[in-house]
Each structure stands twice: as structure tokens, then as C-alpha cells.
PDB file of N, CA and C in Angstrom:
ATOM      1  N   MET A   1     191.220-275.317 116.463  1.00  0.00           N
ATOM      2  CA  MET A   1     190.317-276.288 116.694  1.00  0.00           C
ATOM      3  C   MET A   1     190.000-276.730 118.072  1.00  0.00           C
ATOM      4  N   LYS A   2     188.668-276.975 118.378  1.00  0.00           N
ATOM      5  CA  LYS A   2     188.311-277.230 119.591  1.00  0.00           C
ATOM      6  C   LYS A   2     187.829-278.664 119.641  1.00  0.00           C
ATOM      7  N   ILE A   3     188.165-279.443 120.584  1.00  0.00           N
ATOM      8  CA  ILE A   3     187.844-280.786 120.567  1.00  0.00           C
ATOM      9  C   ILE A   3     187.024-281.045 121.879  1.00  0.00           C
ATOM     10  N   ILE A   4     185.843-281.875 121.848  1.00  0.00           N
ATOM     11  CA  ILE A   4     185.081-282.189 122.958  1.00  0.00           C
ATOM     12  C   ILE A   4     185.034-283.662 122.920  1.00  0.00           C
ATOM     13  N   ILE A   5     185.548-284.362 124.019  1.00  0.00           N
ATOM     14  CA  ILE A   5     185.466-285.732 124.230  1.00  0.00           C
ATOM     15  C   ILE A   5     184.272-285.984 125.189  1.00  0.00           C
ATOM     16  N   ALA A   6     183.169-286.495 124.602  1.00  0.00           N
ATOM     17  CA  ALA A   6     182.100-286.908 125.413  1.00  0.00           C
ATOM     18  C   ALA A   6     181.971-288.352 125.729  1.00  0.00           C
ATOM     19  N   THR A   7     181.832-288.621 127.069  1.00  0.00           N
ATOM     20  CA  THR A   7     181.617-290.090 127.492  1.00  0.00           C
ATOM     21  C   THR A   7     180.070-290.363 128.037  1.00  0.00           C
ATOM     22  N   VAL A   8     179.609-291.327 128.028  1.00  0.00           N
ATOM     23  CA  VAL A   8     178.416-291.724 128.513  1.00  0.00           C
ATOM     24  C   VAL A   8     178.657-292.486 129.834  1.00  0.00           C
ATOM     25  N   GLY A   9     178.151-291.912 130.996  1.00  0.00           N
ATOM     26  CA  GLY A   9     178.401-292.707 132.210  1.00  0.00           C
ATOM     27  C   GLY A   9     179.765-292.138 132.900  1.00  0.00           C
ATOM     28  N   LYS A  10     179.983-292.648 133.895  1.00  0.00           N
ATOM     29  CA  LYS A  10     181.018-292.107 134.856  1.00  0.00           C
ATOM     30  C   LYS A  10     182.419-292.520 134.197  1.00  0.00           C
ATOM     31  N   ALA A  11     183.373-291.578 133.991  1.00  0.00           N
ATOM     32  CA  ALA A  11     184.639-291.983 133.499  1.00  0.00           C
ATOM     33  C   ALA A  11     185.770-291.603 134.298  1.00  0.00           C
ATOM     34  N   LYS A  12     185.491-291.020 135.462  1.00  0.00           N
ATOM     35  CA  LYS A  12     186.447-290.406 136.314  1.00  0.00           C
ATOM     36  C   LYS A  12     187.486-291.363 136.782  1.00  0.00           C
ATOM     37  N   LYS A  13     187.034-292.645 137.180  1.00  0.00           N
ATOM     38  CA  LYS A  13     187.999-293.576 137.799  1.00  0.00           C
ATOM     39  C   LYS A  13     188.313-294.636 136.849  1.00  0.00           C
ATOM     40  N   SER A  14     187.975-294.543 135.696  1.00  0.00           N
ATOM     41  CA  SER A  14     188.353-295.689 134.711  1.00  0.00           C
ATOM     42  C   SER A  14     189.817-295.589 134.134  1.00  0.00           C
ATOM     43  N   ALA A  15     190.231-296.533 133.616  1.00  0.00           N
ATOM     44  CA  ALA A  15     191.528-296.605 132.929  1.00  0.00           C
ATOM     45  C   ALA A  15     191.683-295.806 131.718  1.00  0.00           C
ATOM     46  N   GLU A  16     190.561-295.626 131.058  1.00  0.00           N
ATOM     47  CA  GLU A  16     190.425-294.777 129.844  1.00  0.00           C
ATOM     48  C   GLU A  16     190.548-293.309 130.333  1.00  0.00           C
ATOM     49  N   ALA A  17     189.728-293.043 131.415  1.00  0.00           N
ATOM     50  CA  ALA A  17     189.969-291.529 132.037  1.00  0.00           C
ATOM     51  C   ALA A  17     191.312-291.264 132.333  1.00  0.00           C
ATOM     52  N   GLU A  18     192.004-292.090 132.918  1.00  0.00           N
ATOM     53  CA  GLU A  18     193.441-291.783 133.243  1.00  0.00           C
ATOM     54  C   GLU A  18     194.228-291.570 132.127  1.00  0.00           C
ATOM     55  N   MET A  19     194.090-292.376 131.008  1.00  0.00           N
ATOM     56  CA  MET A  19     194.887-292.203 129.646  1.00  0.00           C
ATOM     57  C   MET A  19     194.485-290.847 129.069  1.00  0.00           C
ATOM     58  N   VAL A  20     193.108-290.351 129.159  1.00  0.00           N
ATOM     59  CA  VAL A  20     192.670-289.155 128.655  1.00  0.00           C
ATOM     60  C   VAL A  20     193.392-288.077 129.463  1.00  0.00           C
ATOM     61  N   ALA A  21     193.418-288.182 130.739  1.00  0.00           N
ATOM     62  CA  ALA A  21     193.929-287.001 131.632  1.00  0.00           C
ATOM     63  C   ALA A  21     195.378-286.914 131.216  1.00  0.00           C
ATOM     64  N   ARG A  22     196.124-287.886 131.001  1.00  0.00           N
ATOM     65  CA  ARG A  22     197.478-287.861 130.738  1.00  0.00           C
ATOM     66  C   ARG A  22     197.710-287.175 129.385  1.00  0.00           C
ATOM     67  N   TYR A  23     196.937-287.488 128.410  1.00  0.00           N
ATOM     68  CA  TYR A  23     196.954-286.875 127.021  1.00  0.00           C
ATOM     69  C   TYR A  23     196.633-285.427 127.096  1.00  0.00           C
ATOM     70  N   LEU A  24     195.679-285.003 127.778  1.00  0.00           N
ATOM     71  CA  LEU A  24     195.353-283.774 127.970  1.00  0.00           C
ATOM     72  C   LEU A  24     196.414-282.894 128.532  1.00  0.00           C
ATOM     73  N   LYS A  25     197.111-283.275 129.418  1.00  0.00           N
ATOM     74  CA  LYS A  25     198.223-282.598 129.954  1.00  0.00           C
ATOM     75  C   LYS A  25     199.386-282.395 128.954  1.00  0.00           C
ATOM     76  N   GLN A  26     199.481-283.225 127.886  1.00  0.00           N
ATOM     77  CA  GLN A  26     200.486-283.252 127.070  1.00  0.00           C
ATOM     78  C   GLN A  26     200.232-282.309 125.735  1.00  0.00           C
ATOM     79  N   THR A  27     198.891-282.033 125.567  1.00  0.00           N
ATOM     80  CA  THR A  27     198.439-281.374 124.237  1.00  0.00           C
ATOM     81  C   THR A  27     198.424-280.015 124.351  1.00  0.00           C
ATOM     82  N   ARG A  28     198.442-279.279 123.251  1.00  0.00           N
ATOM     83  CA  ARG A  28     198.313-277.852 123.247  1.00  0.00           C
ATOM     84  C   ARG A  28     196.970-277.458 122.744  1.00  0.00           C
ATOM     85  N   TRP A  29     196.203-278.470 122.239  1.00  0.00           N
ATOM     86  CA  TRP A  29     194.753-278.235 121.659  1.00  0.00           C
ATOM     87  C   TRP A  29     193.773-277.988 122.788  1.00  0.00           C
ATOM     88  N   ASP A  30     192.827-277.315 122.411  1.00  0.00           N
ATOM     89  CA  ASP A  30     191.735-276.875 123.292  1.00  0.00           C
ATOM     90  C   ASP A  30     190.543-278.179 123.260  1.00  0.00           C
ATOM     91  N   ILE A  31     190.756-278.901 124.363  1.00  0.00           N
ATOM     92  CA  ILE A  31     190.094-280.196 124.624  1.00  0.00           C
ATOM     93  C   ILE A  31     189.301-280.148 125.954  1.00  0.00           C
ATOM     94  N   THR A  32     188.148-280.489 125.731  1.00  0.00           N
ATOM     95  CA  THR A  32     187.242-280.467 126.955  1.00  0.00           C
ATOM     96  C   THR A  32     186.693-281.862 127.025  1.00  0.00           C
ATOM     97  N   LEU A  33     186.650-282.578 128.398  1.00  0.00           N
ATOM     98  CA  LEU A  33     186.058-283.707 128.579  1.00  0.00           C
ATOM     99  C   LEU A  33     184.538-283.521 129.178  1.00  0.00           C
ATOM    100  N   LYS A  34     183.530-284.021 128.496  1.00  0.00           N
ATOM    101  CA  LYS A  34     182.305-283.911 129.157  1.00  0.00           C
ATOM    102  C   LYS A  34     181.747-285.211 129.370  1.00  0.00           C
ATOM    103  N   GLU A  35     181.237-285.493 130.603  1.00  0.00           N
ATOM    104  CA  GLU A  35     180.417-286.792 130.829  1.00  0.00           C
ATOM    105  C   GLU A  35     178.995-286.645 130.844  1.00  0.00           C
ATOM    106  N   ILE A  36     178.361-287.491 129.903  1.00  0.00           N
ATOM    107  CA  ILE A  36     176.968-287.607 129.728  1.00  0.00           C
ATOM    108  C   ILE A  36     176.381-288.505 130.806  1.00  0.00           C
ATOM    109  N   PRO A  37     175.447-288.176 131.659  1.00  0.00           N
ATOM    110  CA  PRO A  37     174.991-289.274 132.367  1.00  0.00           C
ATOM    111  C   PRO A  37     174.309-290.446 131.774  1.00  0.00           C
ATOM    112  N   ASP A  38     174.202-291.387 132.286  1.00  0.00           N
ATOM    113  CA  ASP A  38     173.552-292.694 131.830  1.00  0.00           C
ATOM    114  C   ASP A  38     172.097-292.375 131.705  1.00  0.00           C
ATOM    115  N   ALA A  39     171.422-292.913 130.666  1.00  0.00           N
ATOM    116  CA  ALA A  39     169.895-292.849 130.388  1.00  0.00           C
ATOM    117  C   ALA A  39     169.348-293.557 131.522  1.00  0.00           C
ATOM    118  N   PRO A  40     168.187-293.116 131.972  1.00  0.00           N
ATOM    119  CA  PRO A  40     167.268-293.750 133.001  1.00  0.00           C
ATOM    120  C   PRO A  40     167.244-295.338 132.703  1.00  0.00           C
ATOM    121  N   ALA A  41     167.529-296.174 133.695  1.00  0.00           N
ATOM    122  CA  ALA A  41     167.463-297.587 133.575  1.00  0.00           C
ATOM    123  C   ALA A  41     166.022-298.180 133.212  1.00  0.00           C
ATOM    124  N   SER A  42     165.095-297.317 133.369  1.00  0.00           N
ATOM    125  CA  SER A  42     163.597-297.505 133.088  1.00  0.00           C
ATOM    126  C   SER A  42     163.376-297.640 131.676  1.00  0.00           C
ATOM    127  N   LEU A  43     164.201-296.890 130.802  1.00  0.00           N
ATOM    128  CA  LEU A  43     163.856-296.780 129.299  1.00  0.00           C
ATOM    129  C   LEU A  43     164.530-298.241 128.623  1.00  0.00           C
ATOM    130  N   PRO A  44     163.657-298.452 127.766  1.00  0.00           N
ATOM    131  CA  PRO A  44     164.148-299.722 126.846  1.00  0.00           C
ATOM    132  C   PRO A  44     165.344-299.484 126.212  1.00  0.00           C
ATOM    133  N   SER A  45     166.077-300.462 125.681  1.00  0.00           N
ATOM    134  CA  SER A  45     167.389-300.213 125.204  1.00  0.00           C
ATOM    135  C   SER A  45     167.477-299.244 124.063  1.00  0.00           C
ATOM    136  N   GLY A  46     166.556-299.269 123.002  1.00  0.00           N
ATOM    137  CA  GLY A  46     166.513-298.397 121.977  1.00  0.00           C
ATOM    138  C   GLY A  46     166.306-296.903 122.374  1.00  0.00           C
ATOM    139  N   GLU A  47     165.361-296.695 123.270  1.00  0.00           N
ATOM    140  CA  GLU A  47     165.199-295.422 123.816  1.00  0.00           C
ATOM    141  C   GLU A  47     166.404-294.809 124.587  1.00  0.00           C
ATOM    142  N   ARG A  48     167.143-295.763 125.462  1.00  0.00           N
ATOM    143  CA  ARG A  48     168.291-295.329 126.189  1.00  0.00           C
ATOM    144  C   ARG A  48     169.284-294.789 125.227  1.00  0.00           C
ATOM    145  N   LYS A  49     169.576-295.439 123.962  1.00  0.00           N
ATOM    146  CA  LYS A  49     170.459-294.916 123.131  1.00  0.00           C
ATOM    147  C   LYS A  49     170.087-293.628 122.403  1.00  0.00           C
ATOM    148  N   LEU A  50     168.776-293.371 122.110  1.00  0.00           N
ATOM    149  CA  LEU A  50     168.344-292.165 121.519  1.00  0.00           C
ATOM    150  C   LEU A  50     168.460-291.105 122.618  1.00  0.00           C
ATOM    151  N   TRP A  51     167.962-291.183 123.832  1.00  0.00           N
ATOM    152  CA  TRP A  51     168.242-290.309 124.994  1.00  0.00           C
ATOM    153  C   TRP A  51     169.724-289.850 125.009  1.00  0.00           C
ATOM    154  N   GLU A  52     170.608-290.835 125.014  1.00  0.00           N
ATOM    155  CA  GLU A  52     172.213-290.399 125.221  1.00  0.00           C
ATOM    156  C   GLU A  52     172.497-289.740 123.895  1.00  0.00           C
ATOM    157  N   ALA A  53     171.968-290.051 122.709  1.00  0.00           N
ATOM    158  CA  ALA A  53     172.304-289.513 121.491  1.00  0.00           C
ATOM    159  C   ALA A  53     172.142-288.012 121.582  1.00  0.00           C
ATOM    160  N   LYS A  54     170.839-287.719 122.009  1.00  0.00           N
ATOM    161  CA  LYS A  54     170.355-286.345 122.172  1.00  0.00           C
ATOM    162  C   LYS A  54     171.074-285.563 123.045  1.00  0.00           C
ATOM    163  N   LYS A  55     171.635-285.973 124.233  1.00  0.00           N
ATOM    164  CA  LYS A  55     172.502-285.396 125.134  1.00  0.00           C
ATOM    165  C   LYS A  55     173.791-285.042 124.521  1.00  0.00           C
ATOM    166  N   ILE A  56     174.341-285.932 123.721  1.00  0.00           N
ATOM    167  CA  ILE A  56     175.594-285.793 123.009  1.00  0.00           C
ATOM    168  C   ILE A  56     175.429-284.673 122.066  1.00  0.00           C
ATOM    169  N   GLU A  57     174.285-284.826 121.054  1.00  0.00           N
ATOM    170  CA  GLU A  57     174.156-283.858 120.051  1.00  0.00           C
ATOM    171  C   GLU A  57     173.933-282.430 120.613  1.00  0.00           C
ATOM    172  N   ALA A  58     173.436-282.255 121.848  1.00  0.00           N
ATOM    173  CA  ALA A  58     173.267-280.914 122.494  1.00  0.00           C
ATOM    174  C   ALA A  58     174.497-280.236 122.589  1.00  0.00           C
ATOM    175  N   LEU A  59     175.800-280.977 122.707  1.00  0.00           N
ATOM    176  CA  LEU A  59     176.977-280.394 122.921  1.00  0.00           C
ATOM    177  C   LEU A  59     177.622-279.801 121.620  1.00  0.00           C
ATOM    178  N   LEU A  60     176.955-280.056 120.298  1.00  0.00           N
ATOM    179  CA  LEU A  60     177.571-279.757 119.192  1.00  0.00           C
ATOM    180  C   LEU A  60     177.067-278.511 118.555  1.00  0.00           C
ATOM    181  N   ASP A  61     177.872-277.771 117.866  1.00  0.00           N
ATOM    182  CA  ASP A  61     177.418-276.540 117.133  1.00  0.00           C
ATOM    183  C   ASP A  61     177.161-277.167 115.613  1.00  0.00           C
ATOM    184  N   ALA A  62     176.477-276.237 114.971  1.00  0.00           N
ATOM    185  CA  ALA A  62     176.196-276.397 113.619  1.00  0.00           C
ATOM    186  C   ALA A  62     177.404-276.988 112.705  1.00  0.00           C
ATOM    187  N   ASP A  63     178.658-276.363 113.002  1.00  0.00           N
ATOM    188  CA  ASP A  63     179.629-276.587 112.136  1.00  0.00           C
ATOM    189  C   ASP A  63     180.675-277.661 112.722  1.00  0.00           C
ATOM    190  N   THR A  64     180.153-278.587 113.715  1.00  0.00           N
ATOM    191  CA  THR A  64     180.939-279.616 114.349  1.00  0.00           C
ATOM    192  C   THR A  64     181.112-280.812 113.588  1.00  0.00           C
ATOM    193  N   ARG A  65     182.210-281.432 113.662  1.00  0.00           N
ATOM    194  CA  ARG A  65     182.323-282.869 113.106  1.00  0.00           C
ATOM    195  C   ARG A  65     182.151-283.610 114.318  1.00  0.00           C
ATOM    196  N   LEU A  66     181.509-284.727 114.051  1.00  0.00           N
ATOM    197  CA  LEU A  66     181.214-285.692 115.148  1.00  0.00           C
ATOM    198  C   LEU A  66     181.917-287.135 114.602  1.00  0.00           C
ATOM    199  N   ILE A  67     182.874-287.663 115.555  1.00  0.00           N
ATOM    200  CA  ILE A  67     183.438-288.737 115.260  1.00  0.00           C
ATOM    201  C   ILE A  67     183.215-289.679 116.592  1.00  0.00           C
ATOM    202  N   ALA A  68     182.494-290.860 116.240  1.00  0.00           N
ATOM    203  CA  ALA A  68     182.145-291.705 117.388  1.00  0.00           C
ATOM    204  C   ALA A  68     183.094-292.784 117.529  1.00  0.00           C
ATOM    205  N   LEU A  69     183.616-292.992 118.622  1.00  0.00           N
ATOM    206  CA  LEU A  69     184.590-294.157 118.808  1.00  0.00           C
ATOM    207  C   LEU A  69     184.032-295.113 119.680  1.00  0.00           C
ATOM    208  N   ASP A  70     184.326-296.436 119.328  1.00  0.00           N
ATOM    209  CA  ASP A  70     183.904-297.515 120.003  1.00  0.00           C
ATOM    210  C   ASP A  70     184.942-298.582 120.031  1.00  0.00           C
ATOM    211  N   GLY A  71     185.093-299.276 121.278  1.00  0.00           N
ATOM    212  CA  GLY A  71     186.203-300.177 121.468  1.00  0.00           C
ATOM    213  C   GLY A  71     186.127-301.477 120.537  1.00  0.00           C
ATOM    214  N   MET A  72     184.977-301.597 120.123  1.00  0.00           N
ATOM    215  CA  MET A  72     184.651-302.802 119.180  1.00  0.00           C
ATOM    216  C   MET A  72     184.615-302.475 117.703  1.00  0.00           C
ATOM    217  N   GLY A  73     184.858-301.122 117.425  1.00  0.00           N
ATOM    218  CA  GLY A  73     184.861-300.633 116.059  1.00  0.00           C
ATOM    219  C   GLY A  73     186.082-300.805 115.385  1.00  0.00           C
ATOM    220  N   GLU A  74     186.102-300.125 114.110  1.00  0.00           N
ATOM    221  CA  GLU A  74     187.407-300.206 113.319  1.00  0.00           C
ATOM    222  C   GLU A  74     188.471-299.398 113.971  1.00  0.00           C
ATOM    223  N   GLN A  75     189.730-299.975 113.796  1.00  0.00           N
ATOM    224  CA  GLN A  75     190.900-299.304 114.369  1.00  0.00           C
ATOM    225  C   GLN A  75     191.318-298.140 113.337  1.00  0.00           C
ATOM    226  N   LEU A  76     191.266-296.834 113.907  1.00  0.00           N
ATOM    227  CA  LEU A  76     191.701-295.764 113.042  1.00  0.00           C
ATOM    228  C   LEU A  76     192.985-295.223 113.487  1.00  0.00           C
ATOM    229  N   THR A  77     193.744-294.647 112.531  1.00  0.00           N
ATOM    230  CA  THR A  77     195.023-294.072 112.796  1.00  0.00           C
ATOM    231  C   THR A  77     194.939-292.595 113.038  1.00  0.00           C
ATOM    232  N   SER A  78     195.950-292.049 113.743  1.00  0.00           N
ATOM    233  CA  SER A  78     195.907-290.687 113.998  1.00  0.00           C
ATOM    234  C   SER A  78     195.987-289.858 112.594  1.00  0.00           C
ATOM    235  N   HIS A  79     196.611-290.514 111.585  1.00  0.00           N
ATOM    236  CA  HIS A  79     196.714-289.762 110.210  1.00  0.00           C
ATOM    237  C   HIS A  79     195.244-289.619 109.768  1.00  0.00           C
ATOM    238  N   TRP A  80     194.482-290.629 109.847  1.00  0.00           N
ATOM    239  CA  TRP A  80     193.116-290.628 109.406  1.00  0.00           C
ATOM    240  C   TRP A  80     192.304-289.508 110.200  1.00  0.00           C
ATOM    241  N   LEU A  81     192.519-289.554 111.442  1.00  0.00           N
ATOM    242  CA  LEU A  81     191.822-288.528 112.399  1.00  0.00           C
ATOM    243  C   LEU A  81     192.043-287.038 111.941  1.00  0.00           C
ATOM    244  N   ALA A  82     193.393-287.025 111.773  1.00  0.00           N
ATOM    245  CA  ALA A  82     193.861-285.489 111.482  1.00  0.00           C
ATOM    246  C   ALA A  82     193.308-285.096 110.019  1.00  0.00           C
ATOM    247  N   GLY A  83     193.195-286.011 109.121  1.00  0.00           N
ATOM    248  CA  GLY A  83     192.526-285.638 107.930  1.00  0.00           C
ATOM    249  C   GLY A  83     190.976-285.228 107.949  1.00  0.00           C
ATOM    250  N   ARG A  84     190.395-285.858 108.956  1.00  0.00           N
ATOM    251  CA  ARG A  84     188.994-285.515 109.069  1.00  0.00           C
ATOM    252  C   ARG A  84     188.689-284.170 109.741  1.00  0.00           C
ATOM    253  N   ALA A  85     189.800-283.701 110.357  1.00  0.00           N
ATOM    254  CA  ALA A  85     189.575-282.463 111.230  1.00  0.00           C
ATOM    255  C   ALA A  85     189.647-281.215 110.305  1.00  0.00           C
ATOM    256  N   ARG A  86     189.951-281.371 109.066  1.00  0.00           N
ATOM    257  CA  ARG A  86     190.170-280.197 107.988  1.00  0.00           C
ATOM    258  C   ARG A  86     188.643-279.867 107.580  1.00  0.00           C
TER     259      ARG A  86
END
């Protein structure tokens, strides 16, 4: 299984990036971190989201499962995520 973690904007110096870096050192899975640049500030909000979504979709193969995570979203368990990987 190959995992791509895509982030929008700079993640190199954030607390989340430090946690991801620690996790990547501990795992045996093929995990890649990809940073998607922020959409141009001149675009309206809805168009910015579409622009960023297209950049993320460009990383995906036809048989890829996409799981979007959001800090304000529902809390998921590792067990649930493992079940989605099948």
C-alpha cells in the first residue's frame, strides 16, 4: 500500500509537520508527503477550493482511495482507517 499525505500550503514548520515527520520515521509503509501550493489569493473562495482540489486530484491514480482529513471534522479511529484501506 502506498500512502500520499497531501497538504495545502506550507507544512514544513508547523506542529503537524513535525508529528508527520516523526510518524514517517517509525512506519514501514511507503508514505510520501506532498505540499500543494495555496491557490492564488486573487481567486474567490469557491474557486480557490476548486483550484486546490484539482491539484490534489492530480496526485491520484484511478484506483486510489481518497480520505480527506479536517481538524474540525469527525474523529476517526485507526481501526476505521485500516478498514478503508482494503
